[in-house]
């Protein structure tokens, strides 16, 4: 099977490099920052080490905007309308 997904950068330039259809791509990441950097020419040196994905959060800190039982509404419709009107008055209509 050809490598597909994130692997430790075999070139040692970045933390991780994305592989597609077995080939290194220019998509790389260092920490949470993802940027483009063309891979060096030639085959990657050494074996590839797949990056295991981290477990998704449990979602306990999330709530629906219409969940009024959890406290005051997250989305204030009146404030949103007023902010939109103010932005049109200040910056003009969007074309």
N, C-alpha and C. Protein backbone atom coordinates (compact mmCIF):
# COMPACT_ATOMS: atom_id res chain seq x y z
N UNK A 1 0.84 -1.18 0.00
CA UNK A 1 0.00 0.00 0.00
C UNK A 1 0.89 1.25 0.00
N UNK A 2 0.53 2.22 -0.81
CA UNK A 2 1.32 3.44 -0.92
C UNK A 2 0.99 4.38 0.24
N UNK A 3 2.01 5.06 0.78
CA UNK A 3 1.77 6.00 1.88
C UNK A 3 0.78 7.09 1.48
N UNK A 4 -0.16 7.36 2.37
CA UNK A 4 -1.17 8.40 2.17
C UNK A 4 -1.42 9.03 3.53
N UNK A 5 -1.17 10.33 3.65
CA UNK A 5 -1.41 11.03 4.91
C UNK A 5 -0.14 11.65 5.46
N UNK A 6 -0.19 11.96 6.74
CA UNK A 6 0.93 12.64 7.39
C UNK A 6 1.98 11.64 7.86
N UNK A 7 3.24 11.97 7.57
CA UNK A 7 4.39 11.19 8.02
C UNK A 7 5.44 12.16 8.54
N UNK A 8 6.29 11.68 9.44
CA UNK A 8 7.42 12.51 9.87
C UNK A 8 8.20 12.86 8.61
N UNK A 9 8.65 14.10 8.55
CA UNK A 9 9.38 14.53 7.35
C UNK A 9 10.69 13.75 7.23
N UNK A 10 10.78 12.87 6.26
CA UNK A 10 11.99 12.04 6.14
C UNK A 10 13.23 12.85 5.77
N UNK A 11 13.02 14.07 5.29
CA UNK A 11 14.14 14.92 4.92
C UNK A 11 14.69 15.69 6.12
N UNK A 12 13.95 15.69 7.22
CA UNK A 12 14.40 16.37 8.43
C UNK A 12 14.30 17.88 8.37
N UNK A 13 13.54 18.40 7.42
CA UNK A 13 13.40 19.85 7.28
C UNK A 13 12.27 20.37 8.17
N UNK A 14 11.18 19.62 8.21
CA UNK A 14 9.99 20.00 9.00
C UNK A 14 9.63 18.84 9.92
N UNK A 15 8.64 19.07 10.79
CA UNK A 15 8.20 17.99 11.66
C UNK A 15 7.50 16.90 10.85
N UNK A 16 6.53 17.30 10.03
CA UNK A 16 5.73 16.34 9.27
C UNK A 16 5.63 16.79 7.82
N UNK A 17 5.40 15.80 6.94
CA UNK A 17 5.17 16.08 5.52
C UNK A 17 4.03 15.19 5.05
N UNK A 18 3.14 15.74 4.22
CA UNK A 18 2.00 14.98 3.72
C UNK A 18 2.43 14.18 2.49
N UNK A 19 2.02 12.92 2.48
CA UNK A 19 2.29 12.04 1.34
C UNK A 19 0.98 11.71 0.64
N UNK A 20 1.03 11.72 -0.69
CA UNK A 20 -0.14 11.39 -1.49
C UNK A 20 0.27 10.38 -2.55
N UNK A 21 -0.43 9.26 -2.59
CA UNK A 21 -0.15 8.20 -3.55
C UNK A 21 1.32 7.76 -3.48
N UNK A 22 1.87 7.76 -2.26
CA UNK A 22 3.22 7.30 -2.06
C UNK A 22 4.31 8.33 -2.30
N UNK A 23 3.92 9.55 -2.68
CA UNK A 23 4.92 10.58 -2.98
C UNK A 23 4.83 11.73 -1.98
N UNK A 24 5.97 12.30 -1.60
CA UNK A 24 5.95 13.46 -0.71
C UNK A 24 5.37 14.67 -1.43
N UNK A 25 4.56 15.43 -0.72
CA UNK A 25 3.98 16.66 -1.30
C UNK A 25 4.68 17.87 -0.69
N UNK A 26 4.28 19.04 -1.15
CA UNK A 26 4.85 20.27 -0.61
C UNK A 26 4.15 20.72 0.68
N UNK A 27 3.07 20.04 1.08
CA UNK A 27 2.36 20.40 2.31
C UNK A 27 3.12 19.85 3.51
N UNK A 28 3.56 20.76 4.37
CA UNK A 28 4.33 20.38 5.56
C UNK A 28 3.74 21.09 6.77
N UNK A 29 4.14 20.61 7.95
CA UNK A 29 3.70 21.30 9.16
C UNK A 29 4.78 21.19 10.23
N UNK A 30 4.78 22.25 11.02
CA UNK A 30 5.63 22.34 12.20
C UNK A 30 4.71 22.79 13.33
N UNK A 31 4.42 21.90 14.26
CA UNK A 31 3.43 22.21 15.28
C UNK A 31 2.07 22.31 14.62
N UNK A 32 1.35 23.41 14.88
CA UNK A 32 0.03 23.60 14.29
C UNK A 32 0.09 24.38 12.97
N UNK A 33 1.28 24.89 12.60
CA UNK A 33 1.41 25.70 11.39
C UNK A 33 1.64 24.81 10.18
N UNK A 34 0.74 24.96 9.19
CA UNK A 34 0.88 24.22 7.93
C UNK A 34 1.27 25.21 6.84
N UNK A 35 2.30 24.87 6.09
CA UNK A 35 2.78 25.71 4.99
C UNK A 35 3.17 24.82 3.81
N UNK A 36 3.58 25.45 2.73
CA UNK A 36 4.07 24.72 1.56
C UNK A 36 5.58 24.85 1.47
N UNK A 37 6.24 23.74 1.21
CA UNK A 37 7.68 23.72 0.98
C UNK A 37 7.97 22.49 0.12
N UNK A 38 8.40 22.75 -1.10
CA UNK A 38 8.66 21.65 -2.04
C UNK A 38 9.65 20.65 -1.43
N UNK A 39 9.41 19.36 -1.61
CA UNK A 39 10.37 18.38 -1.11
C UNK A 39 11.63 18.40 -1.95
N UNK A 40 12.77 18.04 -1.33
CA UNK A 40 14.01 17.94 -2.11
C UNK A 40 13.87 16.89 -3.21
N UNK A 41 14.66 17.00 -4.26
CA UNK A 41 14.59 15.99 -5.33
C UNK A 41 15.06 14.62 -4.83
N UNK A 42 14.58 13.60 -5.49
CA UNK A 42 15.00 12.25 -5.16
C UNK A 42 14.07 11.58 -4.17
N UNK A 43 14.35 10.32 -3.93
CA UNK A 43 13.54 9.54 -3.00
C UNK A 43 13.83 9.93 -1.57
N UNK A 44 12.82 9.83 -0.69
CA UNK A 44 13.07 10.13 0.72
C UNK A 44 14.07 9.14 1.31
N UNK A 45 15.00 9.62 2.12
CA UNK A 45 15.96 8.72 2.76
C UNK A 45 15.31 7.97 3.92
N UNK A 46 15.58 6.72 4.04
CA UNK A 46 15.11 5.95 5.19
C UNK A 46 13.63 5.61 5.15
N UNK A 47 13.18 4.86 6.15
CA UNK A 47 11.78 4.44 6.21
C UNK A 47 10.87 5.59 6.65
N UNK A 48 9.62 5.51 6.23
CA UNK A 48 8.64 6.53 6.63
C UNK A 48 8.02 6.16 7.97
N UNK A 49 7.80 7.18 8.78
CA UNK A 49 7.18 6.99 10.09
C UNK A 49 5.85 7.73 10.07
N UNK A 50 4.76 6.96 10.13
CA UNK A 50 3.42 7.57 10.07
C UNK A 50 3.13 8.35 11.35
N UNK A 51 2.48 9.49 11.18
CA UNK A 51 2.07 10.30 12.32
C UNK A 51 0.70 9.82 12.76
N UNK A 52 0.61 9.40 14.00
CA UNK A 52 -0.69 8.95 14.51
C UNK A 52 -1.52 10.16 14.87
N UNK A 53 -2.77 10.12 14.51
CA UNK A 53 -3.64 11.26 14.80
C UNK A 53 -3.96 11.29 16.28
N UNK A 54 -4.10 12.47 16.80
CA UNK A 54 -4.45 12.62 18.21
C UNK A 54 -5.94 12.37 18.39
N UNK A 55 -6.30 11.99 19.56
CA UNK A 55 -7.70 11.75 19.86
C UNK A 55 -8.48 13.05 19.80
N UNK A 56 -9.66 13.06 19.20
CA UNK A 56 -10.47 14.27 19.18
C UNK A 56 -10.93 14.60 20.59
N UNK A 57 -11.16 15.87 20.81
CA UNK A 57 -11.65 16.31 22.11
C UNK A 57 -13.00 15.69 22.43
N UNK A 58 -13.36 15.70 23.69
CA UNK A 58 -14.60 15.07 24.09
C UNK A 58 -15.81 15.95 23.80
N UNK A 59 -15.61 17.23 23.54
CA UNK A 59 -16.70 18.12 23.18
C UNK A 59 -17.48 18.66 24.36
N UNK A 60 -17.01 18.41 25.56
CA UNK A 60 -17.72 18.88 26.75
C UNK A 60 -17.77 20.39 26.87
N UNK A 61 -16.87 21.09 26.19
CA UNK A 61 -16.87 22.54 26.26
C UNK A 61 -17.69 23.17 25.13
N UNK A 62 -18.33 22.35 24.32
CA UNK A 62 -19.14 22.85 23.21
C UNK A 62 -20.61 22.81 23.58
N UNK A 63 -21.37 23.73 23.00
CA UNK A 63 -22.82 23.69 23.17
C UNK A 63 -23.48 24.32 21.96
N UNK A 64 -24.72 23.97 21.78
CA UNK A 64 -25.48 24.50 20.64
C UNK A 64 -25.88 25.94 20.91
N UNK A 65 -25.98 26.73 19.85
CA UNK A 65 -26.37 28.13 20.00
C UNK A 65 -27.80 28.26 20.49
N UNK A 66 -28.63 27.23 20.25
CA UNK A 66 -30.02 27.30 20.70
C UNK A 66 -30.25 26.59 22.04
N UNK A 67 -29.18 26.30 22.75
CA UNK A 67 -29.27 25.63 24.04
C UNK A 67 -29.41 26.69 25.14
N UNK A 68 -30.62 27.19 25.32
CA UNK A 68 -30.86 28.25 26.28
C UNK A 68 -30.85 27.73 27.72
N UNK A 69 -31.03 26.42 27.91
CA UNK A 69 -31.02 25.85 29.25
C UNK A 69 -29.63 25.94 29.88
N UNK A 70 -28.60 26.05 29.07
CA UNK A 70 -27.23 26.09 29.58
C UNK A 70 -26.81 27.48 30.02
N UNK A 71 -27.69 28.46 29.89
CA UNK A 71 -27.36 29.82 30.28
C UNK A 71 -27.74 30.79 29.19
N UNK A 72 -27.22 32.01 29.27
CA UNK A 72 -27.58 33.02 28.27
C UNK A 72 -27.19 32.59 26.86
N UNK A 73 -27.94 33.09 25.91
CA UNK A 73 -27.71 32.73 24.51
C UNK A 73 -26.31 33.14 24.08
N UNK A 74 -25.68 32.28 23.30
CA UNK A 74 -24.35 32.57 22.77
C UNK A 74 -24.46 33.60 21.65
N UNK A 75 -25.50 33.49 20.85
CA UNK A 75 -25.69 34.37 19.70
C UNK A 75 -26.75 35.41 20.03
N UNK A 76 -26.39 36.68 20.00
CA UNK A 76 -27.31 37.77 20.25
C UNK A 76 -27.73 38.35 18.90
N UNK A 77 -28.94 37.98 18.47
CA UNK A 77 -29.42 38.37 17.14
C UNK A 77 -29.47 39.88 16.99
N UNK A 78 -29.96 40.58 17.99
CA UNK A 78 -30.06 42.05 17.91
C UNK A 78 -28.67 42.67 17.74
N UNK A 79 -27.70 42.22 18.52
CA UNK A 79 -26.35 42.76 18.41
C UNK A 79 -25.76 42.47 17.03
N UNK A 80 -26.02 41.30 16.50
CA UNK A 80 -25.50 40.95 15.18
C UNK A 80 -26.06 41.87 14.11
N UNK A 81 -27.36 42.16 14.19
CA UNK A 81 -28.00 43.06 13.22
C UNK A 81 -27.42 44.47 13.34
N UNK A 82 -27.27 44.93 14.58
CA UNK A 82 -26.73 46.28 14.78
C UNK A 82 -25.29 46.37 14.29
N UNK A 83 -24.50 45.35 14.54
CA UNK A 83 -23.12 45.33 14.06
C UNK A 83 -23.06 45.35 12.54
N UNK A 84 -23.96 44.60 11.90
CA UNK A 84 -23.99 44.57 10.44
C UNK A 84 -24.37 45.94 9.88
N UNK A 85 -25.38 46.57 10.48
CA UNK A 85 -25.80 47.90 10.02
C UNK A 85 -24.69 48.93 10.22
N UNK A 86 -24.01 48.84 11.34
CA UNK A 86 -22.92 49.77 11.61
C UNK A 86 -21.79 49.59 10.61
N UNK A 87 -21.48 48.36 10.24
CA UNK A 87 -20.39 48.14 9.29
C UNK A 87 -20.74 48.70 7.92
N UNK A 88 -22.01 48.64 7.53
CA UNK A 88 -22.43 49.21 6.25
C UNK A 88 -22.33 50.73 6.30
N UNK A 89 -22.70 51.31 7.42
CA UNK A 89 -22.64 52.77 7.55
C UNK A 89 -21.19 53.26 7.55
N UNK A 90 -20.31 52.52 8.18
CA UNK A 90 -18.92 52.94 8.29
C UNK A 90 -18.13 52.62 7.03
N UNK A 91 -18.27 51.39 6.51
CA UNK A 91 -17.45 50.95 5.39
C UNK A 91 -18.16 50.96 4.05
N UNK A 92 -19.45 51.13 4.03
CA UNK A 92 -20.20 51.11 2.79
C UNK A 92 -20.60 49.70 2.41
N UNK A 93 -21.51 49.56 1.45
CA UNK A 93 -21.98 48.22 1.07
C UNK A 93 -20.89 47.40 0.40
N UNK A 94 -20.99 46.10 0.57
CA UNK A 94 -20.07 45.17 -0.06
C UNK A 94 -20.55 44.89 -1.47
N UNK A 95 -19.67 45.02 -2.45
CA UNK A 95 -20.08 44.76 -3.84
C UNK A 95 -19.80 43.35 -4.22
